[in-house]
Amino acid sequence: MEIGGENLKKMISDNPFHTSIGVALIMIGTFLMRRDNYFRWPPGISVLANDDVVGFLLLLFGAGYLFWVFDTEQSARLNHFLLSGSAGLMALLTVYQLLHFLIVGNDMPWISNGLITAIIMILAARSDSRDHDDHD
């Protein structure tokens, strides 16, 4: 199957949530990687939370979503890995941002990140549990 402009548009329009989540995770990951002092509480954990590995993991999962969208096979196994892994990362980020907001008083995007987490969980609950062959 040739992947041209029209086919790319169809792949994106067939998977708008995966595309949007992929882009969002890439942007959140990039944001976190560029800010080395974003988290300030508690001192011991904030050093780990500000590490570029956290942002890179989100960026990597975002790229994984986009890979899945443009992959002609769209493996259910990869989809489940991306959904469960990114839901876990986003849930941790959301809770940590909420605690930061409540304890330190810093404005944090915990509400929007919580909604992204909820959308990922809804997609996971509705996703196909197995790969389908053309022979079925």
C-alpha atoms as a PDB file:
ATOM      1  CA  MET A   1       0.000   0.000   0.000  1.00  0.00           C
ATOM      2  CA  GLU A   2       1.432   3.356  -1.031  1.00  0.00           C
ATOM      3  CA  ILE A   3       1.466   6.030   1.614  1.00  0.00           C
ATOM      4  CA  GLY A   4       0.612   9.321  -0.083  1.00  0.00           C
ATOM      5  CA  GLY A   5      -0.901  12.574   1.158  1.00  0.00           C
ATOM      6  CA  GLU A   6      -4.505  11.400   0.878  1.00  0.00           C
ATOM      7  CA  ASN A   7      -3.699   8.131   2.615  1.00  0.00           C
ATOM      8  CA  LEU A   8      -1.965   9.989   5.471  1.00  0.00           C
ATOM      9  CA  LYS A   9      -5.040  12.202   5.907  1.00  0.00           C
ATOM     10  CA  LYS A  10      -7.229   9.100   6.037  1.00  0.00           C
ATOM     11  CA  MET A  11      -4.973   7.436   8.628  1.00  0.00           C
ATOM     12  CA  ILE A  12      -5.157  10.571  10.788  1.00  0.00           C
ATOM     13  CA  SER A  13      -8.917  10.947  10.350  1.00  0.00           C
ATOM     14  CA  ASP A  14      -9.416   7.253  11.179  1.00  0.00           C
ATOM     15  CA  ASN A  15      -7.470   7.703  14.448  1.00  0.00           C
ATOM     16  CA  PRO A  16      -7.991  11.293  15.645  1.00  0.00           C
ATOM     17  CA  PHE A  17      -7.632  10.495  19.348  1.00  0.00           C
ATOM     18  CA  HIS A  18      -4.395   8.554  18.911  1.00  0.00           C
ATOM     19  CA  THR A  19      -3.018  11.348  16.724  1.00  0.00           C
ATOM     20  CA  SER A  20      -4.018  14.062  19.197  1.00  0.00           C
ATOM     21  CA  ILE A  21      -2.646  12.162  22.188  1.00  0.00           C
ATOM     22  CA  GLY A  22       0.588  11.450  20.343  1.00  0.00           C
ATOM     23  CA  VAL A  23       1.105  15.122  19.535  1.00  0.00           C
ATOM     24  CA  ALA A  24       0.130  16.156  23.085  1.00  0.00           C
ATOM     25  CA  LEU A  25       2.585  13.704  24.669  1.00  0.00           C
ATOM     26  CA  ILE A  26       5.383  14.901  22.394  1.00  0.00           C
ATOM     27  CA  MET A  27       4.653  18.504  23.359  1.00  0.00           C
ATOM     28  CA  ILE A  28       4.378  17.755  27.099  1.00  0.00           C
ATOM     29  CA  GLY A  29       7.590  15.713  26.981  1.00  0.00           C
ATOM     30  CA  THR A  30       9.430  18.480  25.130  1.00  0.00           C
ATOM     31  CA  PHE A  31       8.104  21.061  27.604  1.00  0.00           C
ATOM     32  CA  LEU A  32       9.332  19.027  30.587  1.00  0.00           C
ATOM     33  CA  MET A  33      12.733  18.390  28.994  1.00  0.00           C
ATOM     34  CA  ARG A  34      13.265  22.117  28.428  1.00  0.00           C
ATOM     35  CA  ARG A  35      12.477  23.086  32.029  1.00  0.00           C
ATOM     36  CA  ASP A  36      15.025  21.771  34.482  1.00  0.00           C
ATOM     37  CA  ASN A  37      13.443  23.485  37.515  1.00  0.00           C
ATOM     38  CA  TYR A  38       9.758  22.975  36.770  1.00  0.00           C
ATOM     39  CA  PHE A  39       9.090  20.859  39.878  1.00  0.00           C
ATOM     40  CA  ARG A  40      10.343  22.206  43.220  1.00  0.00           C
ATOM     41  CA  TRP A  41       8.740  19.943  45.815  1.00  0.00           C
ATOM     42  CA  PRO A  42       9.770  17.770  47.625  1.00  0.00           C
ATOM     43  CA  PRO A  43      13.475  18.460  47.207  1.00  0.00           C
ATOM     44  CA  GLY A  44      14.551  14.808  46.905  1.00  0.00           C
ATOM     45  CA  ILE A  45      11.907  13.790  44.401  1.00  0.00           C
ATOM     46  CA  SER A  46      11.940  17.026  42.402  1.00  0.00           C
ATOM     47  CA  VAL A  47      15.465  16.234  41.181  1.00  0.00           C
ATOM     48  CA  LEU A  48      14.154  12.985  39.687  1.00  0.00           C
ATOM     49  CA  ALA A  49      10.974  14.584  38.338  1.00  0.00           C
ATOM     50  CA  ASN A  50      12.991  17.319  36.596  1.00  0.00           C
ATOM     51  CA  ASP A  51      15.275  14.764  34.941  1.00  0.00           C
ATOM     52  CA  ASP A  52      15.061  14.739  31.138  1.00  0.00           C
ATOM     53  CA  VAL A  53      14.230  11.019  31.244  1.00  0.00           C
ATOM     54  CA  VAL A  54      10.670  11.845  32.363  1.00  0.00           C
ATOM     55  CA  GLY A  55      10.084  14.169  29.426  1.00  0.00           C
ATOM     56  CA  PHE A  56      11.836  11.795  27.048  1.00  0.00           C
ATOM     57  CA  LEU A  57       9.551   8.905  28.070  1.00  0.00           C
ATOM     58  CA  LEU A  58       6.487  11.028  27.306  1.00  0.00           C
ATOM     59  CA  LEU A  59       8.026  12.123  24.005  1.00  0.00           C
ATOM     60  CA  LEU A  60       8.815   8.500  23.153  1.00  0.00           C
ATOM     61  CA  PHE A  61       5.262   7.354  23.900  1.00  0.00           C
ATOM     62  CA  GLY A  62       3.923  10.237  21.789  1.00  0.00           C
ATOM     63  CA  ALA A  63       6.119   9.173  18.877  1.00  0.00           C
ATOM     64  CA  GLY A  64       4.879   5.612  19.429  1.00  0.00           C
ATOM     65  CA  TYR A  65       1.283   6.773  19.017  1.00  0.00           C
ATOM     66  CA  LEU A  66       2.111   8.508  15.746  1.00  0.00           C
ATOM     67  CA  PHE A  67       3.992   5.430  14.551  1.00  0.00           C
ATOM     68  CA  TRP A  68       0.919   3.330  15.358  1.00  0.00           C
ATOM     69  CA  VAL A  69      -1.394   5.741  13.496  1.00  0.00           C
ATOM     70  CA  PHE A  70       0.736   5.532  10.329  1.00  0.00           C
ATOM     71  CA  ASP A  71       1.485   1.806  10.613  1.00  0.00           C
ATOM     72  CA  THR A  72      -0.614  -0.176   8.154  1.00  0.00           C
ATOM     73  CA  GLU A  73      -0.851  -3.144  10.550  1.00  0.00           C
ATOM     74  CA  GLN A  74      -1.799  -1.205  13.731  1.00  0.00           C
ATOM     75  CA  SER A  75      -0.932  -3.980  16.146  1.00  0.00           C
ATOM     76  CA  ALA A  76      -3.346  -4.383  19.071  1.00  0.00           C
ATOM     77  CA  ARG A  77      -0.394  -5.391  21.261  1.00  0.00           C
ATOM     78  CA  LEU A  78       1.479  -2.131  20.513  1.00  0.00           C
ATOM     79  CA  ASN A  79      -1.738  -0.162  20.995  1.00  0.00           C
ATOM     80  CA  HIS A  80      -2.278  -1.728  24.444  1.00  0.00           C
ATOM     81  CA  PHE A  81       1.337  -1.072  25.416  1.00  0.00           C
ATOM     82  CA  LEU A  82       1.069   2.586  24.368  1.00  0.00           C
ATOM     83  CA  LEU A  83      -2.297   3.099  26.059  1.00  0.00           C
ATOM     84  CA  SER A  84      -1.375   1.459  29.360  1.00  0.00           C
ATOM     85  CA  GLY A  85       2.124   2.936  29.539  1.00  0.00           C
ATOM     86  CA  SER A  86       1.047   6.473  28.691  1.00  0.00           C
ATOM     87  CA  ALA A  87      -1.964   6.264  31.031  1.00  0.00           C
ATOM     88  CA  GLY A  88       0.378   5.335  33.869  1.00  0.00           C
ATOM     89  CA  LEU A  89       2.860   8.106  33.059  1.00  0.00           C
ATOM     90  CA  MET A  90       0.149  10.719  32.652  1.00  0.00           C
ATOM     91  CA  ALA A  91      -1.606   9.629  35.860  1.00  0.00           C
ATOM     92  CA  LEU A  92       1.645   9.976  37.810  1.00  0.00           C
ATOM     93  CA  LEU A  93       2.327  13.374  36.235  1.00  0.00           C
ATOM     94  CA  THR A  94      -1.211  14.570  36.974  1.00  0.00           C
ATOM     95  CA  VAL A  95      -1.129  13.494  40.628  1.00  0.00           C
ATOM     96  CA  TYR A  96       2.329  15.013  41.109  1.00  0.00           C
ATOM     97  CA  GLN A  97       1.168  18.292  39.531  1.00  0.00           C
ATOM     98  CA  LEU A  98      -1.958  18.318  41.717  1.00  0.00           C
ATOM     99  CA  LEU A  99       0.153  17.808  44.858  1.00  0.00           C
ATOM    100  CA  HIS A 100       2.481  20.555  43.662  1.00  0.00           C
ATOM    101  CA  PHE A 101      -0.491  22.871  43.221  1.00  0.00           C
ATOM    102  CA  LEU A 102      -1.977  22.035  46.632  1.00  0.00           C
ATOM    103  CA  ILE A 103       1.232  22.133  48.676  1.00  0.00           C
ATOM    104  CA  VAL A 104       3.466  24.674  46.914  1.00  0.00           C
ATOM    105  CA  GLY A 105       0.719  26.730  45.293  1.00  0.00           C
ATOM    106  CA  ASN A 106       2.279  26.683  41.825  1.00  0.00           C
ATOM    107  CA  ASP A 107      -0.103  26.754  38.899  1.00  0.00           C
ATOM    108  CA  MET A 108       0.176  23.412  37.151  1.00  0.00           C
ATOM    109  CA  PRO A 109      -1.816  21.948  34.229  1.00  0.00           C
ATOM    110  CA  TRP A 110      -3.104  19.050  36.325  1.00  0.00           C
ATOM    111  CA  ILE A 111      -6.699  19.452  35.126  1.00  0.00           C
ATOM    112  CA  SER A 112      -5.890  19.228  31.410  1.00  0.00           C
ATOM    113  CA  ASN A 113      -3.412  16.413  32.021  1.00  0.00           C
ATOM    114  CA  GLY A 114      -6.067  14.604  34.063  1.00  0.00           C
ATOM    115  CA  LEU A 115      -8.456  14.882  31.120  1.00  0.00           C
ATOM    116  CA  ILE A 116      -5.823  13.522  28.738  1.00  0.00           C
ATOM    117  CA  THR A 117      -5.338  10.618  31.145  1.00  0.00           C
ATOM    118  CA  ALA A 118      -9.101   9.988  31.207  1.00  0.00           C
ATOM    119  CA  ILE A 119      -9.279   9.978  27.393  1.00  0.00           C
ATOM    120  CA  ILE A 120      -6.396   7.500  27.225  1.00  0.00           C
ATOM    121  CA  MET A 121      -8.187   5.243  29.731  1.00  0.00           C
ATOM    122  CA  ILE A 122     -11.447   5.421  27.762  1.00  0.00           C
ATOM    123  CA  LEU A 123      -9.554   4.486  24.579  1.00  0.00           C
ATOM    124  CA  ALA A 124      -7.908   1.592  26.403  1.00  0.00           C
ATOM    125  CA  ALA A 125     -11.266   0.302  27.622  1.00  0.00           C
ATOM    126  CA  ARG A 126     -12.724   0.475  24.110  1.00  0.00           C
ATOM    127  CA  SER A 127      -9.718  -0.872  22.214  1.00  0.00           C
ATOM    128  CA  ASP A 128      -9.622  -4.149  20.342  1.00  0.00           C
ATOM    129  CA  SER A 129      -8.135  -6.914  22.413  1.00  0.00           C
ATOM    130  CA  ARG A 130      -6.592  -8.834  19.523  1.00  0.00           C
ATOM    131  CA  ASP A 131      -5.025  -8.329  16.127  1.00  0.00           C
ATOM    132  CA  HIS A 132      -7.234  -9.171  13.175  1.00  0.00           C
ATOM    133  CA  ASP A 133      -6.032 -11.084  10.125  1.00  0.00           C
ATOM    134  CA  ASP A 134      -7.372 -10.470   6.635  1.00  0.00           C
ATOM    135  CA  HIS A 135      -8.520 -14.108   6.629  1.00  0.00           C
ATOM    136  CA  ASP A 136     -11.078 -13.714   9.459  1.00  0.00           C
END
